[in-house]
Amino acid sequence: MIIYPTLELMNGKCVSLTRGRLDAPVIWHVDPVETARSFAAAGADWMHITDIDALRGEGDNDALIEEIIRAVGIPVQLGGGFRSRERVAQWIDRGAGRIVIGTMAAHDPDLLRELAKFHPDQIVLAVDIHDGSVVTEGWKIRSAFQPDSFVQAFDDAPLAGIIVTDVDADIEDSDGSLGVISSLAAQTRHPVIARGTVRSADDVARLKYVPNIAGTLIGRALLSKDVDLADAVAFAQAETEPTAEFQ
């Protein structure tokens, strides 16, 4: 399982969002570039960045993200505001290892499939769920899509994976969020990356035993120091112990 230490960037600062609320970010007073470097130093094989400003359609953090990509020495998975073919190609040329796409998939699914074929193993589908439905436009618009049928519609696309987020899960309710994500993971052939389920190292250990969950994003818990990244990476890379089969 891959641990994706995560930075969410807004106005050049590291932030965390609660239940997708763009109007009330938690601001972390840390240097984004040095924090990203620390992720690589702790043994991470990948990291994830979400550009919240690009997601909102109110500017971007392009220069900062380029600096982070140059500084970390590990591949970066980048999301936020990818609604055109040109922007996807631009960031792959700038060195992003993978591009995360959500809203575009709902509005132009054929374009997502084309991008996945043109950039094999570099396109990740983001499925953000609120109140049982897929949400788009920076978690603001509730679509008519149900999560299971939405992910199954892209089973034929050569995606690198699917990030699943239960947007309205309570920050303390990791069990409820994990239930939503594990249920969806059972309905797709693509590897699933869980988001918003890790509050402690024990949560990483639990995820390893959920079928088809190939990774997890960890942001707030690292910045608050509730999770040590080196420990989380060690848990994720450890051999899975056999589990008993019950009749």
C-alpha atoms as a PDB file:
ATOM      1  CA  MET A   1       0.000   0.000   0.000  1.00  0.00           C
ATOM      2  CA  ILE A   2       1.252   3.484  -0.908  1.00  0.00           C
ATOM      3  CA  ILE A   3       1.156   6.380   1.546  1.00  0.00           C
ATOM      4  CA  TYR A   4       0.564   9.737  -0.164  1.00  0.00           C
ATOM      5  CA  PRO A   5       1.548  12.528   2.239  1.00  0.00           C
ATOM      6  CA  THR A   6      -0.670  15.396   1.186  1.00  0.00           C
ATOM      7  CA  LEU A   7      -0.495  19.168   0.962  1.00  0.00           C
ATOM      8  CA  GLU A   8      -3.571  21.281   0.238  1.00  0.00           C
ATOM      9  CA  LEU A   9      -2.465  24.718  -0.936  1.00  0.00           C
ATOM     10  CA  MET A  10      -4.450  27.949  -0.695  1.00  0.00           C
ATOM     11  CA  ASN A  11      -2.905  31.383  -1.246  1.00  0.00           C
ATOM     12  CA  GLY A  12       0.547  29.837  -0.937  1.00  0.00           C
ATOM     13  CA  LYS A  13      -0.193  28.299   2.467  1.00  0.00           C
ATOM     14  CA  CYS A  14      -0.815  24.754   3.655  1.00  0.00           C
ATOM     15  CA  VAL A  15      -4.428  24.279   4.723  1.00  0.00           C
ATOM     16  CA  SER A  16      -6.878  21.558   5.693  1.00  0.00           C
ATOM     17  CA  LEU A  17     -10.579  21.519   4.918  1.00  0.00           C
ATOM     18  CA  THR A  18     -13.333  20.158   7.140  1.00  0.00           C
ATOM     19  CA  ARG A  19     -16.154  18.459   5.232  1.00  0.00           C
ATOM     20  CA  GLY A  20     -15.021  20.182   2.036  1.00  0.00           C
ATOM     21  CA  ARG A  21     -15.745  23.679   3.405  1.00  0.00           C
ATOM     22  CA  LEU A  22     -13.708  26.015   1.231  1.00  0.00           C
ATOM     23  CA  ASP A  23     -14.771  29.054   3.272  1.00  0.00           C
ATOM     24  CA  ALA A  24     -13.267  27.871   6.557  1.00  0.00           C
ATOM     25  CA  PRO A  25      -9.819  26.354   5.985  1.00  0.00           C
ATOM     26  CA  VAL A  26      -7.512  25.410   8.845  1.00  0.00           C
ATOM     27  CA  ILE A  27      -4.204  27.175   8.112  1.00  0.00           C
ATOM     28  CA  TRP A  28      -0.941  25.459   9.044  1.00  0.00           C
ATOM     29  CA  HIS A  29       2.011  27.752   9.656  1.00  0.00           C
ATOM     30  CA  VAL A  30       4.617  25.610   7.930  1.00  0.00           C
ATOM     31  CA  ASP A  31       6.753  26.128   4.848  1.00  0.00           C
ATOM     32  CA  PRO A  32       5.201  24.123   1.984  1.00  0.00           C
ATOM     33  CA  VAL A  33       8.490  23.362   0.227  1.00  0.00           C
ATOM     34  CA  GLU A  34      10.325  22.301   3.379  1.00  0.00           C
ATOM     35  CA  THR A  35       7.326  20.241   4.467  1.00  0.00           C
ATOM     36  CA  ALA A  36       7.298  18.489   1.092  1.00  0.00           C
ATOM     37  CA  ARG A  37      11.029  17.804   1.402  1.00  0.00           C
ATOM     38  CA  SER A  38      10.429  16.288   4.829  1.00  0.00           C
ATOM     39  CA  PHE A  39       7.910  13.877   3.275  1.00  0.00           C
ATOM     40  CA  ALA A  40      10.560  12.559   0.897  1.00  0.00           C
ATOM     41  CA  ALA A  41      13.130  12.369   3.700  1.00  0.00           C
ATOM     42  CA  ALA A  42      10.707  10.261   5.775  1.00  0.00           C
ATOM     43  CA  GLY A  43      10.608   7.615   3.053  1.00  0.00           C
ATOM     44  CA  ALA A  44       7.500   8.491   1.030  1.00  0.00           C
ATOM     45  CA  ASP A  45       7.505   7.128  -2.526  1.00  0.00           C
ATOM     46  CA  TRP A  46       4.826   9.586  -3.684  1.00  0.00           C
ATOM     47  CA  MET A  47       3.200  12.765  -2.457  1.00  0.00           C
ATOM     48  CA  HIS A  48      -0.107  14.420  -3.316  1.00  0.00           C
ATOM     49  CA  ILE A  49      -0.894  18.111  -3.798  1.00  0.00           C
ATOM     50  CA  THR A  50      -4.319  19.715  -4.155  1.00  0.00           C
ATOM     51  CA  ASP A  51      -4.397  23.291  -5.442  1.00  0.00           C
ATOM     52  CA  ILE A  52      -7.454  24.656  -3.653  1.00  0.00           C
ATOM     53  CA  ASP A  53      -7.336  27.999  -5.470  1.00  0.00           C
ATOM     54  CA  ALA A  54      -7.388  26.277  -8.875  1.00  0.00           C
ATOM     55  CA  LEU A  55     -10.151  24.023  -7.587  1.00  0.00           C
ATOM     56  CA  ARG A  56     -12.228  27.107  -6.734  1.00  0.00           C
ATOM     57  CA  GLY A  57     -11.369  28.763 -10.051  1.00  0.00           C
ATOM     58  CA  GLU A  58      -9.873  31.709  -8.164  1.00  0.00           C
ATOM     59  CA  GLY A  59      -6.198  31.766  -9.101  1.00  0.00           C
ATOM     60  CA  ASP A  60      -3.625  29.055  -8.596  1.00  0.00           C
ATOM     61  CA  ASN A  61      -0.420  28.045  -6.827  1.00  0.00           C
ATOM     62  CA  ASP A  62       1.434  27.104 -10.008  1.00  0.00           C
ATOM     63  CA  ALA A  63       4.825  28.620  -9.160  1.00  0.00           C
ATOM     64  CA  LEU A  64       4.838  27.045  -5.688  1.00  0.00           C
ATOM     65  CA  ILE A  65       3.823  23.644  -7.044  1.00  0.00           C
ATOM     66  CA  GLU A  66       6.574  23.753  -9.671  1.00  0.00           C
ATOM     67  CA  GLU A  67       9.080  24.540  -6.900  1.00  0.00           C
ATOM     68  CA  ILE A  68       7.837  21.592  -4.846  1.00  0.00           C
ATOM     69  CA  ILE A  69       8.042  19.212  -7.817  1.00  0.00           C
ATOM     70  CA  ARG A  70      11.662  20.273  -8.410  1.00  0.00           C
ATOM     71  CA  ALA A  71      12.555  20.028  -4.723  1.00  0.00           C
ATOM     72  CA  VAL A  72      11.136  16.713  -3.547  1.00  0.00           C
ATOM     73  CA  GLY A  73      12.761  14.147  -5.839  1.00  0.00           C
ATOM     74  CA  ILE A  74       9.703  11.856  -5.666  1.00  0.00           C
ATOM     75  CA  PRO A  75       6.709  11.784  -8.024  1.00  0.00           C
ATOM     76  CA  VAL A  76       3.885  14.202  -7.272  1.00  0.00           C
ATOM     77  CA  GLN A  77       0.201  13.444  -7.801  1.00  0.00           C
ATOM     78  CA  LEU A  78      -1.557  16.746  -8.507  1.00  0.00           C
ATOM     79  CA  GLY A  79      -5.226  17.690  -8.296  1.00  0.00           C
ATOM     80  CA  GLY A  80      -7.310  20.837  -8.406  1.00  0.00           C
ATOM     81  CA  GLY A  81      -8.988  22.608 -11.302  1.00  0.00           C
ATOM     82  CA  PHE A  82      -8.193  20.217 -14.153  1.00  0.00           C
ATOM     83  CA  ARG A  83     -11.054  20.919 -16.530  1.00  0.00           C
ATOM     84  CA  SER A  84      -9.283  21.010 -19.905  1.00  0.00           C
ATOM     85  CA  ARG A  85      -6.998  18.834 -22.014  1.00  0.00           C
ATOM     86  CA  GLU A  86      -4.477  21.683 -22.213  1.00  0.00           C
ATOM     87  CA  ARG A  87      -4.057  22.064 -18.459  1.00  0.00           C
ATOM     88  CA  VAL A  88      -3.535  18.330 -18.012  1.00  0.00           C
ATOM     89  CA  ALA A  89      -0.850  18.251 -20.736  1.00  0.00           C
ATOM     90  CA  GLN A  90       0.764  21.395 -19.318  1.00  0.00           C
ATOM     91  CA  TRP A  91       1.283  19.875 -15.881  1.00  0.00           C
ATOM     92  CA  ILE A  92       2.511  16.535 -17.175  1.00  0.00           C
ATOM     93  CA  ASP A  93       5.094  18.514 -19.171  1.00  0.00           C
ATOM     94  CA  ARG A  94       5.977  20.410 -15.979  1.00  0.00           C
ATOM     95  CA  GLY A  95       6.800  17.160 -14.229  1.00  0.00           C
ATOM     96  CA  ALA A  96       3.646  16.070 -12.394  1.00  0.00           C
ATOM     97  CA  GLY A  97       3.653  12.301 -12.050  1.00  0.00           C
ATOM     98  CA  ARG A  98      -0.132  11.976 -12.095  1.00  0.00           C
ATOM     99  CA  ILE A  99      -3.090  14.276 -12.642  1.00  0.00           C
ATOM    100  CA  VAL A 100      -6.276  13.933 -10.586  1.00  0.00           C
ATOM    101  CA  ILE A 101      -9.537  14.699 -12.402  1.00  0.00           C
ATOM    102  CA  GLY A 102     -13.014  14.955 -10.904  1.00  0.00           C
ATOM    103  CA  THR A 103     -15.379  17.552 -12.374  1.00  0.00           C
ATOM    104  CA  MET A 104     -14.220  16.948 -15.944  1.00  0.00           C
ATOM    105  CA  ALA A 105     -15.126  13.264 -15.614  1.00  0.00           C
ATOM    106  CA  ALA A 106     -18.722  14.183 -14.790  1.00  0.00           C
ATOM    107  CA  HIS A 107     -19.097  16.762 -17.568  1.00  0.00           C
ATOM    108  CA  ASP A 108     -17.031  15.145 -20.336  1.00  0.00           C
ATOM    109  CA  PRO A 109     -16.411  11.451 -19.594  1.00  0.00           C
ATOM    110  CA  ASP A 110     -15.164  10.767 -23.132  1.00  0.00           C
ATOM    111  CA  LEU A 111     -12.405  13.347 -22.686  1.00  0.00           C
ATOM    112  CA  LEU A 112     -11.299  11.640 -19.478  1.00  0.00           C
ATOM    113  CA  ARG A 113     -11.103   8.321 -21.310  1.00  0.00           C
ATOM    114  CA  GLU A 114      -9.072   9.930 -24.104  1.00  0.00           C
ATOM    115  CA  LEU A 115      -6.653  11.484 -21.616  1.00  0.00           C
ATOM    116  CA  ALA A 116      -6.232   8.168 -19.805  1.00  0.00           C
ATOM    117  CA  LYS A 117      -5.353   6.451 -23.090  1.00  0.00           C
ATOM    118  CA  PHE A 118      -2.970   9.220 -24.132  1.00  0.00           C
ATOM    119  CA  HIS A 119      -1.304   9.399 -20.697  1.00  0.00           C
ATOM    120  CA  PRO A 120      -1.367   5.783 -19.461  1.00  0.00           C
ATOM    121  CA  ASP A 121      -0.944   5.362 -15.696  1.00  0.00           C
ATOM    122  CA  GLN A 122      -0.935   9.144 -15.210  1.00  0.00           C
ATOM    123  CA  ILE A 123      -4.633   9.948 -14.857  1.00  0.00           C
ATOM    124  CA  VAL A 124      -6.466   9.425 -11.568  1.00  0.00           C
ATOM    125  CA  LEU A 125     -10.236   9.737 -11.183  1.00  0.00           C
ATOM    126  CA  ALA A 126     -11.461  11.645  -8.126  1.00  0.00           C
ATOM    127  CA  VAL A 127     -14.806  10.505  -6.760  1.00  0.00           C
ATOM    128  CA  ASP A 128     -16.027  12.884  -4.060  1.00  0.00           C
ATOM    129  CA  ILE A 129     -19.159  11.707  -2.264  1.00  0.00           C
ATOM    130  CA  HIS A 130     -21.592  13.805  -0.272  1.00  0.00           C
ATOM    131  CA  ASP A 131     -24.866  12.482   1.086  1.00  0.00           C
ATOM    132  CA  GLY A 132     -24.650   9.432  -1.157  1.00  0.00           C
ATOM    133  CA  SER A 133     -24.067  11.280  -4.440  1.00  0.00           C
ATOM    134  CA  VAL A 134     -21.023  12.341  -6.450  1.00  0.00           C
ATOM    135  CA  VAL A 135     -20.268  16.057  -6.013  1.00  0.00           C
ATOM    136  CA  THR A 136     -18.338  18.289  -8.408  1.00  0.00           C
ATOM    137  CA  GLU A 137     -17.116  21.879  -8.854  1.00  0.00           C
ATOM    138  CA  GLY A 138     -15.012  21.873  -5.709  1.00  0.00           C
ATOM    139  CA  TRP A 139     -17.609  19.882  -3.730  1.00  0.00           C
ATOM    140  CA  LYS A 140     -20.253  22.554  -4.355  1.00  0.00           C
ATOM    141  CA  ILE A 141     -22.560  20.850  -6.878  1.00  0.00           C
ATOM    142  CA  ARG A 142     -24.437  17.641  -6.186  1.00  0.00           C
ATOM    143  CA  SER A 143     -24.603  15.619  -9.387  1.00  0.00           C
ATOM    144  CA  ALA A 144     -27.161  13.046 -10.473  1.00  0.00           C
ATOM    145  CA  PHE A 145     -24.512  10.306 -10.400  1.00  0.00           C
ATOM    146  CA  GLN A 146     -24.465   7.536  -7.841  1.00  0.00           C
ATOM    147  CA  PRO A 147     -20.903   6.610  -6.822  1.00  0.00           C
ATOM    148  CA  ASP A 148     -21.083   2.930  -7.820  1.00  0.00           C
ATOM    149  CA  SER A 149     -22.412   3.542 -11.334  1.00  0.00           C
ATOM    150  CA  PHE A 150     -20.012   6.467 -11.748  1.00  0.00           C
ATOM    151  CA  VAL A 151     -16.866   4.429 -11.097  1.00  0.00           C
ATOM    152  CA  GLN A 152     -18.144   1.473 -13.115  1.00  0.00           C
ATOM    153  CA  ALA A 153     -18.605   3.770 -16.123  1.00  0.00           C
ATOM    154  CA  PHE A 154     -14.822   4.152 -16.272  1.00  0.00           C
ATOM    155  CA  ASP A 155     -13.852   0.513 -15.803  1.00  0.00           C
ATOM    156  CA  ASP A 156     -12.650   0.377 -19.423  1.00  0.00           C
ATOM    157  CA  ALA A 157     -10.336   3.405 -19.047  1.00  0.00           C
ATOM    158  CA  PRO A 158      -6.623   2.803 -18.269  1.00  0.00           C
ATOM    159  CA  LEU A 159      -6.657   4.866 -15.082  1.00  0.00           C
ATOM    160  CA  ALA A 160      -3.791   4.898 -12.600  1.00  0.00           C
ATOM    161  CA  GLY A 161      -6.357   4.681  -9.804  1.00  0.00           C
ATOM    162  CA  ILE A 162      -9.401   6.241  -8.173  1.00  0.00           C
ATOM    163  CA  ILE A 163      -9.305   8.567  -5.170  1.00  0.00           C
ATOM    164  CA  VAL A 164     -12.473   8.208  -3.097  1.00  0.00           C
ATOM    165  CA  THR A 165     -13.421  10.862  -0.561  1.00  0.00           C
ATOM    166  CA  ASP A 166     -16.447  10.832   1.736  1.00  0.00           C
ATOM    167  CA  VAL A 167     -16.730  14.620   1.913  1.00  0.00           C
ATOM    168  CA  ASP A 168     -19.394  14.822   4.627  1.00  0.00           C
ATOM    169  CA  ALA A 169     -17.829  12.254   6.957  1.00  0.00           C
ATOM    170  CA  ASP A 170     -17.312  13.598  10.443  1.00  0.00           C
ATOM    171  CA  ILE A 171     -13.645  14.175  11.168  1.00  0.00           C
ATOM    172  CA  GLU A 172     -13.866  11.812  14.132  1.00  0.00           C
ATOM    173  CA  ASP A 173     -15.877   9.156  12.291  1.00  0.00           C
ATOM    174  CA  SER A 174     -13.216   7.251  10.358  1.00  0.00           C
ATOM    175  CA  ASP A 175     -15.270   4.040  10.545  1.00  0.00           C
ATOM    176  CA  GLY A 176     -18.198   5.548   8.652  1.00  0.00           C
ATOM    177  CA  SER A 177     -15.944   7.037   6.006  1.00  0.00           C
ATOM    178  CA  LEU A 178     -14.005   3.800   5.577  1.00  0.00           C
ATOM    179  CA  GLY A 179     -17.273   1.912   5.123  1.00  0.00           C
ATOM    180  CA  VAL A 180     -18.269   4.143   2.202  1.00  0.00           C
ATOM    181  CA  ILE A 181     -14.851   3.860   0.572  1.00  0.00           C
ATOM    182  CA  SER A 182     -14.415   0.102   1.056  1.00  0.00           C
ATOM    183  CA  SER A 183     -17.872  -0.524  -0.395  1.00  0.00           C
ATOM    184  CA  LEU A 184     -16.972   1.426  -3.521  1.00  0.00           C
ATOM    185  CA  ALA A 185     -13.573  -0.270  -3.761  1.00  0.00           C
ATOM    186  CA  ALA A 186     -15.347  -3.603  -4.096  1.00  0.00           C
ATOM    187  CA  GLN A 187     -17.158  -2.361  -7.217  1.00  0.00           C
ATOM    188  CA  THR A 188     -14.253  -1.300  -9.420  1.00  0.00           C
ATOM    189  CA  ARG A 189     -11.283  -3.044 -10.991  1.00  0.00           C
ATOM    190  CA  HIS A 190      -9.104   0.040 -10.525  1.00  0.00           C
ATOM    191  CA  PRO A 191      -6.920   0.415  -7.440  1.00  0.00           C
ATOM    192  CA  VAL A 192      -8.581   2.726  -4.927  1.00  0.00           C
ATOM    193  CA  ILE A 193      -6.812   5.419  -2.928  1.00  0.00           C
ATOM    194  CA  ALA A 194      -8.687   6.326   0.258  1.00  0.00           C
ATOM    195  CA  ARG A 195      -8.891   9.908   1.441  1.00  0.00           C
ATOM    196  CA  GLY A 196      -9.959  11.235   4.816  1.00  0.00           C
ATOM    197  CA  THR A 197      -9.762   7.954   6.743  1.00  0.00           C
ATOM    198  CA  VAL A 198      -6.424   8.214   8.579  1.00  0.00           C
ATOM    199  CA  ARG A 199      -6.304   9.874  11.986  1.00  0.00           C
ATOM    200  CA  SER A 200      -3.729   7.547  13.560  1.00  0.00           C
ATOM    201  CA  ALA A 201      -1.182   4.873  12.643  1.00  0.00           C
ATOM    202  CA  ASP A 202      -3.777   2.226  13.530  1.00  0.00           C
ATOM    203  CA  ASP A 203      -5.951   3.476  10.662  1.00  0.00           C
ATOM    204  CA  VAL A 204      -3.107   2.760   8.235  1.00  0.00           C
ATOM    205  CA  ALA A 205      -2.821  -0.775   9.562  1.00  0.00           C
ATOM    206  CA  ARG A 206      -6.573  -1.320   9.131  1.00  0.00           C
ATOM    207  CA  LEU A 207      -6.563  -0.073   5.541  1.00  0.00           C
ATOM    208  CA  LYS A 208      -4.035  -2.731   4.553  1.00  0.00           C
ATOM    209  CA  TYR A 209      -6.665  -5.412   5.076  1.00  0.00           C
ATOM    210  CA  VAL A 210      -9.389  -3.788   2.956  1.00  0.00           C
ATOM    211  CA  PRO A 211      -9.524  -5.428  -0.499  1.00  0.00           C
ATOM    212  CA  ASN A 212      -8.572  -3.204  -3.454  1.00  0.00           C
ATOM    213  CA  ILE A 213      -7.413  -0.238  -1.384  1.00  0.00           C
ATOM    214  CA  ALA A 214      -3.960   0.401  -2.794  1.00  0.00           C
ATOM    215  CA  GLY A 215      -3.101   3.611  -0.984  1.00  0.00           C
ATOM    216  CA  THR A 216      -4.226   6.454   1.229  1.00  0.00           C
ATOM    217  CA  LEU A 217      -3.812  10.221   1.326  1.00  0.00           C
ATOM    218  CA  ILE A 218      -2.733  11.632   4.692  1.00  0.00           C
ATOM    219  CA  GLY A 219      -2.682  15.377   5.216  1.00  0.00           C
ATOM    220  CA  ARG A 220      -4.130  16.853   8.394  1.00  0.00           C
ATOM    221  CA  ALA A 221      -2.907  14.003  10.605  1.00  0.00           C
ATOM    222  CA  LEU A 222       0.690  14.580   9.471  1.00  0.00           C
ATOM    223  CA  LEU A 223       0.575  18.337   9.917  1.00  0.00           C
ATOM    224  CA  SER A 224      -0.976  17.982  13.378  1.00  0.00           C
ATOM    225  CA  LYS A 225       1.654  15.308  14.185  1.00  0.00           C
ATOM    226  CA  ASP A 226      -1.000  12.754  15.097  1.00  0.00           C
ATOM    227  CA  VAL A 227       0.693  10.419  12.600  1.00  0.00           C
ATOM    228  CA  ASP A 228       4.435  10.009  12.057  1.00  0.00           C
ATOM    229  CA  LEU A 229       5.041   9.616   8.331  1.00  0.00           C
ATOM    230  CA  ALA A 230       8.004   7.248   8.684  1.00  0.00           C
ATOM    231  CA  ASP A 231       5.894   4.962  10.893  1.00  0.00           C
ATOM    232  CA  ALA A 232       2.958   5.117   8.465  1.00  0.00           C
ATOM    233  CA  VAL A 233       5.208   4.212   5.526  1.00  0.00           C
ATOM    234  CA  ALA A 234       6.650   1.296   7.511  1.00  0.00           C
ATOM    235  CA  PHE A 235       3.147   0.029   8.343  1.00  0.00           C
ATOM    236  CA  ALA A 236       2.089   0.336   4.715  1.00  0.00           C
ATOM    237  CA  GLN A 237       5.123  -1.514   3.384  1.00  0.00           C
ATOM    238  CA  ALA A 238       5.096  -4.313   5.948  1.00  0.00           C
ATOM    239  CA  GLU A 239       4.019  -7.773   4.811  1.00  0.00           C
ATOM    240  CA  THR A 240       0.321  -8.389   5.366  1.00  0.00           C
ATOM    241  CA  GLU A 241      -0.318 -11.112   7.902  1.00  0.00           C
ATOM    242  CA  PRO A 242      -2.707 -13.874   6.891  1.00  0.00           C
ATOM    243  CA  THR A 243      -6.253 -13.583   8.186  1.00  0.00           C
ATOM    244  CA  ALA A 244      -8.425 -16.473   9.272  1.00  0.00           C
ATOM    245  CA  GLU A 245     -11.323 -17.570   7.135  1.00  0.00           C
ATOM    246  CA  PHE A 246     -14.523 -18.056   9.074  1.00  0.00           C
ATOM    247  CA  GLN A 247     -17.218 -20.480   7.964  1.00  0.00           C
END
